[in-house]
């Protein structure tokens, strides 16, 4: 069963919340994984050059996943004429 949300909300609001929650959870997962990557890098098991490449590749991968979810959010928002939430999606 799909969450239809509050009947007083604009159409698409429940799905927008689900997508925003997906983004938030992915951001949390990225932060946790980042800590593990940093632990591995700081353990000294790789050279500085390898550490830089691992870090760069990891950050790029995280950004790509978040960007895809963000694109889903913005497309959904446009489809239902929901107000922009762009300020929520900037990294702090």
Protein backbone atom coordinates (compact mmCIF):
# COMPACT_ATOMS: atom_id res chain seq x y z
CA UNK A 1 0.00 0.00 0.00
CA UNK A 2 1.31 3.44 -0.90
CA UNK A 3 1.37 6.31 1.58
CA UNK A 4 -1.10 8.85 0.22
CA UNK A 5 -0.29 11.43 2.86
CA UNK A 6 -2.62 14.01 4.29
CA UNK A 7 -5.61 14.71 2.06
CA UNK A 8 -5.04 18.44 2.61
CA UNK A 9 -1.52 18.25 1.17
CA UNK A 10 -0.82 18.96 -2.49
CA UNK A 11 -0.66 15.88 -4.72
CA UNK A 12 2.78 14.26 -4.73
CA UNK A 13 3.78 15.51 -1.28
CA UNK A 14 3.99 12.04 0.31
CA UNK A 15 6.23 10.77 -2.49
CA UNK A 16 8.35 13.90 -2.22
CA UNK A 17 8.84 13.21 1.49
CA UNK A 18 9.81 9.61 0.68
CA UNK A 19 12.41 10.80 -1.83
CA UNK A 20 13.77 13.38 0.62
CA UNK A 21 14.03 10.66 3.26
CA UNK A 22 15.88 8.46 0.75
CA UNK A 23 18.35 11.33 0.18
CA UNK A 24 18.81 11.88 3.91
CA UNK A 25 19.41 8.17 4.58
CA UNK A 26 21.91 7.94 1.73
CA UNK A 27 23.75 10.96 3.09
CA UNK A 28 23.95 9.28 6.52
CA UNK A 29 25.17 6.03 4.93
CA UNK A 30 27.82 7.99 3.02
CA UNK A 31 29.00 9.62 6.25
CA UNK A 32 29.33 6.24 7.97
CA UNK A 33 31.17 4.73 5.02
CA UNK A 34 33.40 7.81 4.84
CA UNK A 35 34.50 7.16 8.44
CA UNK A 36 35.49 3.59 7.50
CA UNK A 37 37.38 4.77 4.43
CA UNK A 38 39.20 7.37 6.52
CA UNK A 39 40.12 4.71 9.10
CA UNK A 40 41.58 2.53 6.34
CA UNK A 41 43.49 5.45 4.87
CA UNK A 42 44.82 6.54 8.26
CA UNK A 43 45.95 3.00 9.11
CA UNK A 44 48.97 3.49 6.88
CA UNK A 45 48.21 0.45 4.71
CA UNK A 46 48.38 2.52 1.54
CA UNK A 47 50.59 5.22 0.10
CA UNK A 48 49.59 8.88 0.13
CA UNK A 49 48.90 8.65 -3.61
CA UNK A 50 46.68 5.60 -3.13
CA UNK A 51 44.91 7.29 -0.23
CA UNK A 52 44.20 10.37 -2.35
CA UNK A 53 42.79 8.23 -5.16
CA UNK A 54 40.64 6.16 -2.78
CA UNK A 55 39.30 9.30 -1.14
CA UNK A 56 38.63 11.05 -4.46
CA UNK A 57 36.91 8.01 -5.94
CA UNK A 58 34.79 7.50 -2.83
CA UNK A 59 33.66 11.14 -2.72
CA UNK A 60 32.82 11.10 -6.43
CA UNK A 61 30.76 7.95 -6.00
CA UNK A 62 28.87 9.45 -3.03
CA UNK A 63 28.16 12.64 -4.96
CA UNK A 64 26.88 10.71 -8.00
CA UNK A 65 24.39 8.74 -5.89
CA UNK A 66 23.17 11.86 -4.08
CA UNK A 67 22.92 13.77 -7.36
CA UNK A 68 20.72 11.03 -8.87
CA UNK A 69 18.38 11.13 -5.88
CA UNK A 70 18.34 14.92 -5.99
CA UNK A 71 17.43 14.79 -9.67
CA UNK A 72 14.53 12.45 -8.81
CA UNK A 73 13.37 14.90 -6.16
CA UNK A 74 13.52 17.89 -8.47
CA UNK A 75 11.77 16.04 -11.31
CA UNK A 76 9.01 14.95 -8.94
CA UNK A 77 8.70 18.48 -7.59
CA UNK A 78 8.36 19.90 -11.11
CA UNK A 79 5.88 17.21 -12.12
CA UNK A 80 3.57 18.14 -9.24
CA UNK A 81 4.39 21.88 -9.18
CA UNK A 82 5.66 21.61 -5.62
CA UNK A 83 7.78 24.44 -4.21
CA UNK A 84 11.53 24.17 -4.63
CA UNK A 85 13.46 22.70 -1.75
CA UNK A 86 16.88 23.36 -3.27
CA UNK A 87 18.21 25.04 -0.12
CA UNK A 88 17.69 21.75 1.76
CA UNK A 89 20.02 19.88 -0.55
CA UNK A 90 23.17 21.90 -0.20
CA UNK A 91 25.90 20.15 1.75
CA UNK A 92 26.81 21.70 5.03
